[in-house]
Each structure stands twice: as C-alpha cells, then as structure tokens.
Amino acid sequence: SSQEALSFPPTFLPQEWRFDNYLSLFDAVPF
C-alpha cells in the first residue's frame, strides 16, 4: 500500500499484497 511503501522502519514482505497497484498505475497515467 502507499502507506506501507513509505513506512519506517520498512517492511520486507508486504503486509497486504496489492496486485491492483498495477491496474491503478494505468488509471493514473496512460502507461
């Protein structure tokens, strides 16, 4: 998630796997 990606101390494995980030990328810009 956006918050976990910037958290400190950082986590190695995602606490919640957000595969929809790649779909959000194409919604944010015409990637």
Full PDB file with SEQRES, HELIX, SHEET, SSBOND, CRYST1, ORIGX, SCALE, CONECT and MASTER records, all heavy atoms in Angstrom:
SEQRES   1 A   31  SER SER GLN GLU ALA LEU SER PHE PRO PRO THR PHE LEU          
SEQRES   2 A   31  PRO GLN GLU TRP ARG PHE ASP ASN TYR LEU SER LEU PHE          
SEQRES   3 A   31  ASP ALA VAL PRO PHE                                          
HELIX    1 AA1 SER A    2  ALA A    5  1                                   4    
HELIX    2 AA2 ASN A   21  ALA A   28  1                                   8    
CRYST1    1.000    1.000    1.000  90.00  90.00  90.00 P 1           1          
ORIGX1      1.000000  0.000000  0.000000        0.00000                         
ORIGX2      0.000000  1.000000  0.000000        0.00000                         
ORIGX3      0.000000  0.000000  1.000000        0.00000                         
SCALE1      1.000000  0.000000  0.000000        0.00000                         
SCALE2      0.000000  1.000000  0.000000        0.00000                         
SCALE3      0.000000  0.000000  1.000000        0.00000                         
ATOM      1  N   SER A   1       0.843  -1.185   0.000  1.00  0.00           N  
ATOM      2  CA  SER A   1       0.000   0.000   0.000  1.00  0.00           C  
ATOM      3  C   SER A   1       0.883   1.240   0.000  1.00  0.00           C  
ATOM      4  O   SER A   1       2.092   1.171   0.279  1.00  0.00           O  
ATOM      5  CB  SER A   1      -0.912   0.005   1.221  1.00  0.00           C  
ATOM      6  OG  SER A   1      -0.146   0.116   2.414  1.00  0.00           O  
ATOM      7  N   SER A   2       0.300   2.385  -0.300  1.00  0.00           N  
ATOM      8  CA  SER A   2       1.077   3.621  -0.350  1.00  0.00           C  
ATOM      9  C   SER A   2       1.698   3.942   1.005  1.00  0.00           C  
ATOM     10  O   SER A   2       2.844   4.374   1.091  1.00  0.00           O  
ATOM     11  CB  SER A   2       0.188   4.777  -0.819  1.00  0.00           C  
ATOM     12  OG  SER A   2       0.906   5.986  -0.840  1.00  0.00           O  
ATOM     13  N   GLN A   3       0.936   3.712   2.082  1.00  0.00           N  
ATOM     14  CA  GLN A   3       1.454   3.999   3.411  1.00  0.00           C  
ATOM     15  C   GLN A   3       2.572   3.037   3.804  1.00  0.00           C  
ATOM     16  O   GLN A   3       3.597   3.433   4.354  1.00  0.00           O  
ATOM     17  CB  GLN A   3       0.321   3.926   4.457  1.00  0.00           C  
ATOM     18  CG  GLN A   3      -0.754   4.991   4.299  1.00  0.00           C  
ATOM     19  CD  GLN A   3      -1.737   4.670   3.179  1.00  0.00           C  
ATOM     20  OE1 GLN A   3      -1.753   3.539   2.658  1.00  0.00           O  
ATOM     21  NE2 GLN A   3      -2.551   5.652   2.808  1.00  0.00           N  
ATOM     22  N   GLU A   4       2.394   1.756   3.503  1.00  0.00           N  
ATOM     23  CA  GLU A   4       3.415   0.780   3.878  1.00  0.00           C  
ATOM     24  C   GLU A   4       4.688   0.962   3.075  1.00  0.00           C  
ATOM     25  O   GLU A   4       5.792   0.742   3.585  1.00  0.00           O  
ATOM     26  CB  GLU A   4       2.878  -0.633   3.675  1.00  0.00           C  
ATOM     27  CG  GLU A   4       3.840  -1.714   4.186  1.00  0.00           C  
ATOM     28  CD  GLU A   4       3.334  -3.115   3.930  1.00  0.00           C  
ATOM     29  OE1 GLU A   4       2.243  -3.260   3.346  1.00  0.00           O  
ATOM     30  OE2 GLU A   4       4.037  -4.079   4.300  1.00  0.00           O  
ATOM     31  N   ALA A   5       4.583   1.393   1.824  1.00  0.00           N  
ATOM     32  CA  ALA A   5       5.763   1.584   0.987  1.00  0.00           C  
ATOM     33  C   ALA A   5       6.666   2.676   1.532  1.00  0.00           C  
ATOM     34  O   ALA A   5       7.880   2.653   1.307  1.00  0.00           O  
ATOM     35  CB  ALA A   5       5.346   1.918  -0.432  1.00  0.00           C  
ATOM     36  N   LEU A   6       6.086   3.638   2.267  1.00  0.00           N  
ATOM     37  CA  LEU A   6       6.861   4.743   2.832  1.00  0.00           C  
ATOM     38  C   LEU A   6       7.050   4.614   4.335  1.00  0.00           C  
ATOM     39  O   LEU A   6       7.550   5.553   4.973  1.00  0.00           O  
ATOM     40  CB  LEU A   6       6.171   6.076   2.520  1.00  0.00           C  
ATOM     41  CG  LEU A   6       6.112   6.467   1.032  1.00  0.00           C  
ATOM     42  CD1 LEU A   6       5.255   7.713   0.845  1.00  0.00           C  
ATOM     43  CD2 LEU A   6       7.510   6.693   0.475  1.00  0.00           C  
ATOM     44  N   SER A   7       6.661   3.488   4.908  1.00  0.00           N  
ATOM     45  CA  SER A   7       6.744   3.335   6.356  1.00  0.00           C  
ATOM     46  C   SER A   7       8.180   3.178   6.818  1.00  0.00           C  
ATOM     47  O   SER A   7       9.056   2.749   6.066  1.00  0.00           O  
ATOM     48  CB  SER A   7       5.925   2.116   6.799  1.00  0.00           C  
ATOM     49  OG  SER A   7       6.483   0.925   6.251  1.00  0.00           O  
ATOM     50  N   PHE A   8       8.442   3.574   8.064  1.00  0.00           N  
ATOM     51  CA  PHE A   8       9.762   3.399   8.674  1.00  0.00           C  
ATOM     52  C   PHE A   8       9.578   2.878  10.099  1.00  0.00           C  
ATOM     53  O   PHE A   8       8.793   3.440  10.869  1.00  0.00           O  
ATOM     54  CB  PHE A   8      10.526   4.724   8.716  1.00  0.00           C  
ATOM     55  CG  PHE A   8      11.951   4.567   9.178  1.00  0.00           C  
ATOM     56  CD1 PHE A   8      12.952   4.196   8.295  1.00  0.00           C  
ATOM     57  CD2 PHE A   8      12.266   4.757  10.511  1.00  0.00           C  
ATOM     58  CE1 PHE A   8      14.252   4.036   8.733  1.00  0.00           C  
ATOM     59  CE2 PHE A   8      13.572   4.594  10.961  1.00  0.00           C  
ATOM     60  CZ  PHE A   8      14.557   4.238  10.060  1.00  0.00           C  
ATOM     61  N   PRO A   9      10.290   1.810  10.458  1.00  0.00           N  
ATOM     62  CA  PRO A   9      11.223   1.040   9.620  1.00  0.00           C  
ATOM     63  C   PRO A   9      10.484   0.297   8.504  1.00  0.00           C  
ATOM     64  O   PRO A   9       9.332  -0.090   8.670  1.00  0.00           O  
ATOM     65  CB  PRO A   9      11.855   0.077  10.616  1.00  0.00           C  
ATOM     66  CG  PRO A   9      10.833  -0.070  11.692  1.00  0.00           C  
ATOM     67  CD  PRO A   9      10.156   1.259  11.816  1.00  0.00           C  
ATOM     68  N   PRO A  10      11.156   0.113   7.386  1.00  0.00           N  
ATOM     69  CA  PRO A  10      10.484  -0.509   6.241  1.00  0.00           C  
ATOM     70  C   PRO A  10      10.217  -1.990   6.471  1.00  0.00           C  
ATOM     71  O   PRO A  10      10.926  -2.663   7.215  1.00  0.00           O  
ATOM     72  CB  PRO A  10      11.485  -0.296   5.094  1.00  0.00           C  
ATOM     73  CG  PRO A  10      12.809  -0.177   5.770  1.00  0.00           C  
ATOM     74  CD  PRO A  10      12.548   0.501   7.082  1.00  0.00           C  
ATOM     75  N   THR A  11       9.179  -2.488   5.836  1.00  0.00           N  
ATOM     76  CA  THR A  11       8.874  -3.916   5.863  1.00  0.00           C  
ATOM     77  C   THR A  11       9.453  -4.566   4.617  1.00  0.00           C  
ATOM     78  O   THR A  11       9.597  -3.925   3.583  1.00  0.00           O  
ATOM     79  CB  THR A  11       7.354  -4.137   5.907  1.00  0.00           C  
ATOM     80  OG1 THR A  11       6.758  -3.503   4.767  1.00  0.00           O  
ATOM     81  CG2 THR A  11       6.765  -3.535   7.180  1.00  0.00           C  
ATOM     82  N   PHE A  12       9.789  -5.834   4.749  1.00  0.00           N  
ATOM     83  CA  PHE A  12      10.343  -6.545   3.589  1.00  0.00           C  
ATOM     84  C   PHE A  12       9.207  -7.098   2.731  1.00  0.00           C  
ATOM     85  O   PHE A  12       9.028  -6.693   1.595  1.00  0.00           O  
ATOM     86  CB  PHE A  12      11.277  -7.667   4.038  1.00  0.00           C  
ATOM     87  CG  PHE A  12      11.931  -8.397   2.905  1.00  0.00           C  
ATOM     88  CD1 PHE A  12      12.869  -7.772   2.096  1.00  0.00           C  
ATOM     89  CD2 PHE A  12      11.595  -9.716   2.627  1.00  0.00           C  
ATOM     90  CE1 PHE A  12      13.466  -8.442   1.035  1.00  0.00           C  
ATOM     91  CE2 PHE A  12      12.182 -10.395   1.573  1.00  0.00           C  
ATOM     92  CZ  PHE A  12      13.121  -9.752   0.778  1.00  0.00           C  
ATOM     93  N   LEU A  13       8.428  -8.016   3.286  1.00  0.00           N  
ATOM     94  CA  LEU A  13       7.282  -8.540   2.563  1.00  0.00           C  
ATOM     95  C   LEU A  13       6.060  -7.667   2.825  1.00  0.00           C  
ATOM     96  O   LEU A  13       5.888  -7.154   3.941  1.00  0.00           O  
ATOM     97  CB  LEU A  13       6.992  -9.982   2.983  1.00  0.00           C  
ATOM     98  CG  LEU A  13       8.059 -11.019   2.634  1.00  0.00           C  
ATOM     99  CD1 LEU A  13       7.683 -12.379   3.197  1.00  0.00           C  
ATOM    100  CD2 LEU A  13       8.251 -11.106   1.119  1.00  0.00           C  
ATOM    101  N   PRO A  14       5.224  -7.472   1.846  1.00  0.00           N  
ATOM    102  CA  PRO A  14       4.017  -6.653   2.071  1.00  0.00           C  
ATOM    103  C   PRO A  14       3.097  -7.299   3.102  1.00  0.00           C  
ATOM    104  O   PRO A  14       2.904  -8.521   3.111  1.00  0.00           O  
ATOM    105  CB  PRO A  14       3.356  -6.618   0.688  1.00  0.00           C  
ATOM    106  CG  PRO A  14       4.443  -6.969  -0.290  1.00  0.00           C  
ATOM    107  CD  PRO A  14       5.354  -7.898   0.445  1.00  0.00           C  
ATOM    108  N   GLN A  15       2.565  -6.483   3.988  1.00  0.00           N  
ATOM    109  CA  GLN A  15       1.579  -6.985   4.936  1.00  0.00           C  
ATOM    110  C   GLN A  15       0.272  -7.320   4.230  1.00  0.00           C  
ATOM    111  O   GLN A  15      -0.456  -8.223   4.625  1.00  0.00           O  
ATOM    112  CB  GLN A  15       1.340  -5.938   6.027  1.00  0.00           C  
ATOM    113  CG  GLN A  15       2.581  -5.640   6.853  1.00  0.00           C  
ATOM    114  CD  GLN A  15       2.349  -4.533   7.862  1.00  0.00           C  
ATOM    115  OE1 GLN A  15       1.300  -3.880   7.858  1.00  0.00           O  
ATOM    116  NE2 GLN A  15       3.337  -4.299   8.727  1.00  0.00           N  
ATOM    117  N   GLU A  16      -0.018  -6.564   3.188  1.00  0.00           N  
ATOM    118  CA  GLU A  16      -1.188  -6.833   2.347  1.00  0.00           C  
ATOM    119  C   GLU A  16      -0.746  -6.718   0.890  1.00  0.00           C  
ATOM    120  O   GLU A  16      -0.295  -5.665   0.448  1.00  0.00           O  
ATOM    121  CB  GLU A  16      -2.308  -5.833   2.638  1.00  0.00           C  
ATOM    122  CG  GLU A  16      -3.534  -6.048   1.778  1.00  0.00           C  
ATOM    123  CD  GLU A  16      -4.589  -4.980   2.015  1.00  0.00           C  
ATOM    124  OE1 GLU A  16      -4.357  -4.100   2.853  1.00  0.00           O  
ATOM    125  OE2 GLU A  16      -5.625  -5.030   1.334  1.00  0.00           O  
ATOM    126  N   TRP A  17      -0.853  -7.818   0.166  1.00  0.00           N  
ATOM    127  CA  TRP A  17      -0.385  -7.841  -1.222  1.00  0.00           C  
ATOM    128  C   TRP A  17      -1.364  -7.080  -2.103  1.00  0.00           C  
ATOM    129  O   TRP A  17      -2.524  -7.460  -2.241  1.00  0.00           O  
ATOM    130  CB  TRP A  17      -0.236  -9.281  -1.712  1.00  0.00           C  
ATOM    131  CG  TRP A  17       0.830 -10.037  -0.960  1.00  0.00           C  
ATOM    132  CD1 TRP A  17       0.707 -10.644   0.243  1.00  0.00           C  
ATOM    133  CD2 TRP A  17       2.186 -10.220  -1.367  1.00  0.00           C  
ATOM    134  NE1 TRP A  17       1.900 -11.219   0.617  1.00  0.00           N  
ATOM    135  CE2 TRP A  17       2.830 -10.983  -0.353  1.00  0.00           C  
ATOM    136  CE3 TRP A  17       2.923  -9.841  -2.478  1.00  0.00           C  
ATOM    137  CZ2 TRP A  17       4.160 -11.347  -0.425  1.00  0.00           C  
ATOM    138  CZ3 TRP A  17       4.250 -10.216  -2.552  1.00  0.00           C  
ATOM    139  CH2 TRP A  17       4.861 -10.955  -1.538  1.00  0.00           C  
ATOM    140  N   ARG A  18      -0.882  -5.992  -2.719  1.00  0.00           N  
ATOM    141  CA  ARG A  18      -1.740  -5.117  -3.516  1.00  0.00           C  
ATOM    142  C   ARG A  18      -1.387  -5.252  -5.005  1.00  0.00           C  
ATOM    143  O   ARG A  18      -0.705  -4.394  -5.575  1.00  0.00           O  
ATOM    144  CB  ARG A  18      -1.573  -3.668  -3.053  1.00  0.00           C  
ATOM    145  CG  ARG A  18      -1.929  -3.413  -1.588  1.00  0.00           C  
ATOM    146  CD  ARG A  18      -3.426  -3.518  -1.390  1.00  0.00           C  
ATOM    147  NE  ARG A  18      -4.110  -2.513  -2.178  1.00  0.00           N  
ATOM    148  CZ  ARG A  18      -4.355  -1.279  -1.721  1.00  0.00           C  
ATOM    149  NH1 ARG A  18      -3.975  -0.904  -0.503  1.00  0.00           N  
ATOM    150  NH2 ARG A  18      -4.999  -0.412  -2.491  1.00  0.00           N  
ATOM    151  N   PHE A  19      -1.848  -6.322  -5.617  1.00  0.00           N  
ATOM    152  CA  PHE A  19      -1.586  -6.503  -7.045  1.00  0.00           C  
ATOM    153  C   PHE A  19      -2.357  -5.498  -7.890  1.00  0.00           C  
ATOM    154  O   PHE A  19      -2.012  -5.276  -9.060  1.00  0.00           O  
ATOM    155  CB  PHE A  19      -1.954  -7.930  -7.464  1.00  0.00           C  
ATOM    156  CG  PHE A  19      -1.067  -8.991  -6.852  1.00  0.00           C  
ATOM    157  CD1 PHE A  19      -1.459  -9.676  -5.716  1.00  0.00           C  
ATOM    158  CD2 PHE A  19       0.179  -9.279  -7.413  1.00  0.00           C  
ATOM    159  CE1 PHE A  19      -0.634 -10.639  -5.154  1.00  0.00           C  
ATOM    160  CE2 PHE A  19       1.001 -10.247  -6.857  1.00  0.00           C  
ATOM    161  CZ  PHE A  19       0.592 -10.920  -5.721  1.00  0.00           C  
ATOM    162  N   ASP A  20      -3.387  -4.898  -7.302  1.00  0.00           N  
ATOM    163  CA  ASP A  20      -4.162  -3.909  -8.041  1.00  0.00           C  
ATOM    164  C   ASP A  20      -3.402  -2.608  -8.245  1.00  0.00           C  
ATOM    165  O   ASP A  20      -3.883  -1.715  -8.948  1.00  0.00           O  
ATOM    166  CB  ASP A  20      -5.487  -3.633  -7.343  1.00  0.00           C  
ATOM    167  CG  ASP A  20      -5.287  -3.106  -5.923  1.00  0.00           C  
ATOM    168  OD1 ASP A  20      -4.270  -3.461  -5.289  1.00  0.00           O  
ATOM    169  OD2 ASP A  20      -6.139  -2.334  -5.461  1.00  0.00           O  
ATOM    170  N   ASN A  21      -2.196  -2.483  -7.651  1.00  0.00           N  
ATOM    171  CA  ASN A  21      -1.387  -1.284  -7.882  1.00  0.00           C  
ATOM    172  C   ASN A  21      -1.050  -1.123  -9.358  1.00  0.00           C  
ATOM    173  O   ASN A  21      -0.945   0.001  -9.860  1.00  0.00           O  
ATOM    174  CB  ASN A  21      -0.089  -1.353  -7.070  1.00  0.00           C  
ATOM    175  CG  ASN A  21      -0.323  -1.116  -5.593  1.00  0.00           C  
ATOM    176  OD1 ASN A  21      -1.342  -0.554  -5.195  1.00  0.00           O  
ATOM    177  ND2 ASN A  21       0.623  -1.564  -4.769  1.00  0.00           N  
ATOM    178  N   TYR A  22      -0.875  -2.252 -10.044  1.00  0.00           N  
ATOM    179  CA  TYR A  22      -0.531  -2.172 -11.467  1.00  0.00           C  
ATOM    180  C   TYR A  22      -1.721  -1.685 -12.290  1.00  0.00           C  
ATOM    181  O   TYR A  22      -1.547  -0.972 -13.279  1.00  0.00           O  
ATOM    182  CB  TYR A  22      -0.036  -3.534 -11.960  1.00  0.00           C  
ATOM    183  CG  TYR A  22       1.339  -3.869 -11.439  1.00  0.00           C  
ATOM    184  CD1 TYR A  22       1.516  -4.505 -10.204  1.00  0.00           C  
ATOM    185  CD2 TYR A  22       2.474  -3.517 -12.159  1.00  0.00           C  
ATOM    186  CE1 TYR A  22       2.780  -4.787  -9.721  1.00  0.00           C  
ATOM    187  CE2 TYR A  22       3.746  -3.801 -11.686  1.00  0.00           C  
ATOM    188  CZ  TYR A  22       3.893  -4.434 -10.460  1.00  0.00           C  
ATOM    189  OH  TYR A  22       5.160  -4.691  -9.968  1.00  0.00           O  
ATOM    190  N   LEU A  23      -2.936  -2.053 -11.871  1.00  0.00           N  
ATOM    191  CA  LEU A  23      -4.111  -1.505 -12.530  1.00  0.00           C  
ATOM    192  C   LEU A  23      -4.268  -0.025 -12.217  1.00  0.00           C  
ATOM    193  O   LEU A  23      -4.642   0.775 -13.090  1.00  0.00           O  
ATOM    194  CB  LEU A  23      -5.369  -2.275 -12.085  1.00  0.00           C  
ATOM    195  CG  LEU A  23      -5.415  -3.762 -12.466  1.00  0.00           C  
ATOM    196  CD1 LEU A  23      -6.693  -4.406 -11.919  1.00  0.00           C  
ATOM    197  CD2 LEU A  23      -5.349  -3.926 -13.976  1.00  0.00           C  
ATOM    198  N   SER A  24      -3.969   0.356 -10.975  1.00  0.00           N  
ATOM    199  CA  SER A  24      -4.049   1.766 -10.592  1.00  0.00           C  
ATOM    200  C   SER A  24      -3.030   2.606 -11.356  1.00  0.00           C  
ATOM    201  O   SER A  24      -3.284   3.776 -11.661  1.00  0.00           O  
ATOM    202  CB  SER A  24      -3.814   1.914  -9.083  1.00  0.00           C  
ATOM    203  OG  SER A  24      -4.775   1.195  -8.339  1.00  0.00           O  
ATOM    204  N   LEU A  25      -1.884   2.006 -11.684  1.00  0.00           N  
ATOM    205  CA  LEU A  25      -0.868   2.724 -12.456  1.00  0.00           C  
ATOM    206  C   LEU A  25      -1.413   3.129 -13.813  1.00  0.00           C  
ATOM    207  O   LEU A  25      -1.225   4.265 -14.253  1.00  0.00           O  
ATOM    208  CB  LEU A  25       0.362   1.832 -12.615  1.00  0.00           C  
ATOM    209  CG  LEU A  25       1.453   2.325 -13.571  1.00  0.00           C  
ATOM    210  CD1 LEU A  25       2.095   3.593 -13.038  1.00  0.00           C  
ATOM    211  CD2 LEU A  25       2.506   1.239 -13.781  1.00  0.00           C  
ATOM    212  N   PHE A  26      -2.105   2.208 -14.476  1.00  0.00           N  
ATOM    213  CA  PHE A  26      -2.651   2.511 -15.799  1.00  0.00           C  
ATOM    214  C   PHE A  26      -3.830   3.470 -15.714  1.00  0.00           C  
ATOM    215  O   PHE A  26      -4.153   4.136 -16.699  1.00  0.00           O  
ATOM    216  CB  PHE A  26      -3.063   1.217 -16.500  1.00  0.00           C  
ATOM    217  CG  PHE A  26      -1.906   0.414 -17.025  1.00  0.00           C  
ATOM    218  CD1 PHE A  26      -1.228  -0.471 -16.200  1.00  0.00           C  
ATOM    219  CD2 PHE A  26      -1.483   0.560 -18.337  1.00  0.00           C  
ATOM    220  CE1 PHE A  26      -0.153  -1.207 -16.676  1.00  0.00           C  
ATOM    221  CE2 PHE A  26      -0.410  -0.175 -18.823  1.00  0.00           C  
ATOM    222  CZ  PHE A  26       0.265  -1.062 -17.988  1.00  0.00           C  
ATOM    223  N   ASP A  27      -4.479   3.536 -14.537  1.00  0.00           N  
ATOM    224  CA  ASP A  27      -5.541   4.526 -14.350  1.00  0.00           C  
ATOM    225  C   ASP A  27      -4.970   5.905 -14.062  1.00  0.00           C  
ATOM    226  O   ASP A  27      -5.576   6.922 -14.423  1.00  0.00           O  
ATOM    227  CB  ASP A  27      -6.464   4.098 -13.197  1.00  0.00           C  
ATOM    228  CG  ASP A  27      -7.269   2.851 -13.533  1.00  0.00           C  
ATOM    229  OD1 ASP A  27      -7.502   2.615 -14.735  1.00  0.00           O  
ATOM    230  OD2 ASP A  27      -7.637   2.113 -12.595  1.00  0.00           O  
ATOM    231  N   ALA A  28      -3.813   5.942 -13.397  1.00  0.00           N  
ATOM    232  CA  ALA A  28      -3.217   7.229 -13.012  1.00  0.00           C  
ATOM    233  C   ALA A  28      -2.632   7.960 -14.211  1.00  0.00           C  
ATOM    234  O   ALA A  28      -2.779   9.180 -14.341  1.00  0.00           O  
ATOM    235  CB  ALA A  28      -2.139   7.012 -11.939  1.00  0.00           C  
ATOM    236  N   VAL A  29      -1.964   7.232 -15.087  1.00  0.00           N  
ATOM    237  CA  VAL A  29      -1.353   7.821 -16.287  1.00  0.00           C  
ATOM    238  C   VAL A  29      -1.567   6.853 -17.446  1.00  0.00           C  
ATOM    239  O   VAL A  29      -1.775   5.655 -17.230  1.00  0.00           O  
ATOM    240  CB  VAL A  29       0.165   8.067 -16.092  1.00  0.00           C  
ATOM    241  CG1 VAL A  29       0.419   9.144 -15.049  1.00  0.00           C  
ATOM    242  CG2 VAL A  29       0.890   6.783 -15.724  1.00  0.00           C  
ATOM    243  N   PRO A  30      -1.514   7.334 -18.696  1.00  0.00           N  
ATOM    244  CA  PRO A  30      -1.656   6.427 -19.857  1.00  0.00           C  
ATOM    245  C   PRO A  30      -0.388   5.609 -20.079  1.00  0.00           C  
ATOM    246  O   PRO A  30       0.335   5.793 -21.067  1.00  0.00           O  
ATOM    247  CB  PRO A  30      -1.941   7.381 -21.010  1.00  0.00           C  
ATOM    248  CG  PRO A  30      -1.321   8.674 -20.611  1.00  0.00           C  
ATOM    249  CD  PRO A  30      -1.469   8.746 -19.116  1.00  0.00           C  
ATOM    250  N   PHE A  31      -0.100   4.702 -19.148  1.00  0.00           N  
ATOM    251  CA  PHE A  31       1.153   3.970 -19.173  1.00  0.00           C  
ATOM    252  C   PHE A  31       1.248   3.047 -20.377  1.00  0.00           C  
ATOM    253  O   PHE A  31       2.346   2.784 -20.882  1.00  0.00           O  
ATOM    254  CB  PHE A  31       1.305   3.159 -17.875  1.00  0.00           C  
ATOM    255  CG  PHE A  31       2.731   2.898 -17.494  1.00  0.00           C  
ATOM    256  CD1 PHE A  31       3.496   3.884 -16.894  1.00  0.00           C  
ATOM    257  CD2 PHE A  31       3.318   1.671 -17.746  1.00  0.00           C  
ATOM    258  CE1 PHE A  31       4.816   3.647 -16.538  1.00  0.00           C  
ATOM    259  CE2 PHE A  31       4.646   1.429 -17.397  1.00  0.00           C  
ATOM    260  CZ  PHE A  31       5.395   2.422 -16.802  1.00  0.00           C  
TER     261      PHE A  31                                                      
MASTER        0    0    0    2    0    0    0    6  260    1    0    3          
END                                                                             
